[in-house]
Protein backbone atom coordinates (compact mmCIF):
# COMPACT_ATOMS: atom_id res chain seq x y z
CA ASN A 1 8.78 3.67 -20.43
CA ARG A 2 11.79 3.07 -22.64
CA GLY A 3 14.65 1.66 -20.62
CA PHE A 4 12.54 -0.05 -17.95
CA THR A 5 11.25 -3.55 -17.43
CA GLU A 6 8.21 -3.65 -15.16
CA THR A 7 7.12 -6.66 -13.15
CA PHE A 8 3.90 -6.78 -11.18
CA THR A 9 3.79 -9.14 -8.22
CA THR A 10 0.58 -9.90 -6.35
CA THR A 11 1.24 -10.50 -2.69
CA LYS A 12 -0.43 -10.72 0.68
CA ILE A 13 0.88 -9.04 3.82
CA ASP A 14 1.89 -11.27 6.72
CA PRO A 15 0.70 -9.44 9.87
CA LEU A 16 2.97 -11.59 12.03
CA LYS A 17 5.98 -9.93 10.40
CA ILE A 18 4.96 -6.46 11.62
CA LYS A 19 7.01 -6.15 14.79
CA PRO A 20 7.18 -3.00 16.93
CA ALA A 21 10.65 -1.56 17.45
CA PRO A 22 11.65 -1.45 21.14
CA GLY A 23 12.30 2.08 22.39
CA PHE A 24 10.39 3.75 19.54
CA ILE A 25 6.91 5.19 19.47
CA LEU A 26 4.69 5.18 16.41
CA GLU A 27 3.26 8.52 15.32
CA VAL A 28 0.26 8.39 12.99
CA GLU A 29 -0.89 11.30 10.85
CA GLU A 30 -4.12 10.62 9.04
CA LYS A 31 -5.85 13.08 6.71
CA PRO A 32 -8.40 12.42 3.97
CA ASP A 33 -5.69 12.60 1.28
CA LYS A 34 -2.60 11.35 3.18
CA ILE A 35 -1.58 8.82 5.82
CA LYS A 36 1.86 8.72 7.41
CA PHE A 37 3.41 6.40 10.00
CA THR A 38 6.64 7.57 11.67
CA ALA A 39 8.95 5.75 14.10
CA VAL A 40 10.18 8.25 16.71
CA GLU A 41 12.89 7.83 19.35
CA GLN A 42 13.21 10.56 22.02
CA GLY A 43 11.59 13.13 19.72
CA ARG A 44 13.75 12.25 16.67
CA LYS A 45 11.99 11.00 13.56
CA ALA A 46 13.90 7.88 12.58
CA SER A 47 11.83 6.28 9.81
CA LYS A 48 8.60 6.99 7.95
CA CYS A 49 6.30 5.47 5.40
CA GLU A 50 3.53 7.54 3.86
CA THR A 51 1.07 7.63 1.03
CA LEU A 52 2.44 9.49 -1.96
CA TRP A 53 -1.02 9.62 -3.57
CA MET A 54 -4.38 8.01 -2.93
CA SER A 55 -7.38 7.33 -5.16
CA SER A 56 -10.68 5.62 -4.50
CA GLY A 57 -9.06 2.19 -4.79
CA TYR A 58 -5.27 2.53 -4.65
CA ALA A 59 -2.50 4.26 -2.70
CA GLU A 60 1.18 4.47 -3.59
CA ILE A 61 3.47 4.31 -0.57
CA GLY A 62 7.07 5.33 0.00
CA GLY A 63 9.44 6.56 2.65
CA GLY A 64 12.79 5.88 4.22
CA THR A 65 14.98 5.75 7.28
CA GLU A 66 17.61 8.16 8.60
CA ASP A 67 21.13 6.73 8.18
CA GLU A 68 21.89 6.29 11.88
CA TYR A 69 18.75 4.15 12.30
CA LEU A 70 19.30 1.76 9.38
CA ARG A 71 19.11 -2.03 9.80
CA ARG A 72 16.85 -1.96 12.86
CA GLY A 73 13.63 -3.00 11.12
CA LEU A 74 12.05 0.44 11.46
CA PHE A 75 11.03 0.85 7.83
CA THR A 76 9.58 -2.66 7.81
CA TRP A 77 7.52 -1.74 10.90
CA VAL A 78 6.16 1.59 9.62
CA THR A 79 5.53 0.17 6.14
CA GLY A 80 3.66 -2.82 7.56
CA MET A 81 1.51 -0.58 9.74
CA LEU A 82 0.67 1.71 6.81
CA VAL A 83 -0.19 -1.20 4.50
CA LYS A 84 -2.40 -2.69 7.21
CA ARG A 85 -4.24 0.64 7.64
CA LEU A 86 -4.72 1.05 3.88
CA LEU A 87 -6.15 -2.45 3.58
CA GLU A 88 -8.53 -1.71 6.48
CA ARG A 89 -9.73 1.31 4.48
CA GLY A 90 -10.26 -0.84 1.38
CA LEU A 91 -7.30 0.58 -0.54
CA GLN A 92 -4.79 -1.46 -2.55
CA PRO A 93 -1.25 -0.39 -1.57
CA LEU A 94 1.34 0.04 -4.34
CA TYR A 95 4.96 -0.25 -3.24
CA ILE A 96 7.11 0.91 -6.17
CA PHE A 97 10.89 0.64 -6.26
CA GLU A 98 13.77 -0.28 -8.52
CA GLN A 99 14.57 -3.97 -8.58
CA ASP A 100 18.18 -3.28 -7.60
CA ASN A 101 17.09 -1.28 -4.52
CA ILE A 102 18.16 -3.94 -2.01
CA PRO A 103 16.72 -2.31 1.17
CA SER A 104 13.27 -1.91 -0.44
CA ARG A 105 13.37 -5.48 -1.76
CA LYS A 106 14.24 -6.77 1.72
CA THR A 107 11.32 -4.84 3.22
CA ALA A 108 8.96 -6.30 0.62
CA ASP A 109 10.35 -9.81 1.12
CA LYS A 110 9.90 -9.53 4.91
CA LEU A 111 6.33 -8.23 4.83
CA PHE A 112 4.72 -9.84 1.79
CA TYR A 113 4.34 -13.32 0.39
CA ASP A 114 2.80 -14.82 -2.73
CA SER A 115 -0.95 -14.82 -2.21
CA GLY A 116 -1.73 -17.48 -4.80
CA GLY A 117 -3.74 -15.01 -6.86
CA ARG A 118 -5.77 -13.46 -4.04
CA GLU A 119 -4.99 -9.77 -4.31
CA PHE A 120 -4.53 -7.92 -1.02
CA ALA A 121 -1.45 -5.81 -1.62
CA PHE A 122 1.07 -5.69 -4.38
CA TYR A 123 4.19 -3.90 -5.37
CA LEU A 124 5.73 -3.03 -8.70
CA LYS A 125 9.37 -3.73 -9.23
CA LYS A 126 11.21 -1.63 -11.79
CA SER A 127 14.58 -2.80 -12.94
CA ARG A 128 16.98 -0.26 -14.34
CA ASP A 129 18.32 -0.73 -17.84
CA PRO A 130 20.94 2.00 -18.16
CA GLY A 131 21.62 1.29 -21.83
CA PRO A 132 23.48 3.84 -23.90
CA GLN A 133 21.20 6.71 -22.77
CA GLY A 134 21.85 6.05 -19.07
CA LEU A 135 18.15 5.97 -18.26
CA GLY A 136 17.23 5.25 -14.68
CA GLY A 137 14.77 6.21 -12.00
CA GLY A 138 14.71 7.29 -8.42
CA SER A 139 14.42 4.88 -5.55
CA ASN A 140 12.71 5.04 -2.16
């Protein structure tokens, strides 16, 4: 992983921070190999968080919000609901994003807090080091 610094942070989800968004309904799609939570307003899909892959013990999550719905807490809501469901199923959620991805960092800061070593959920923060090769990665 030349060009990246990786930091693992063990956190615990705060269920009190998962707040429904007024005027939106929550659609849930659950299959053996994928789970997706979507915030929908009048038939329009505004924000989603879904499993990107799942194993017997872990699940990587990712998603996003349509531009016109930004800064309404929708991604925080759908992410919190997905993490809660994964934990209920005994899976460890992995939330992976670049350290300079401010919206993803805000979502993580809103939902998770330092668990003092008790591992419930954690996310991996990647910080970009463009260096002379201009290496970088995608963000959620």
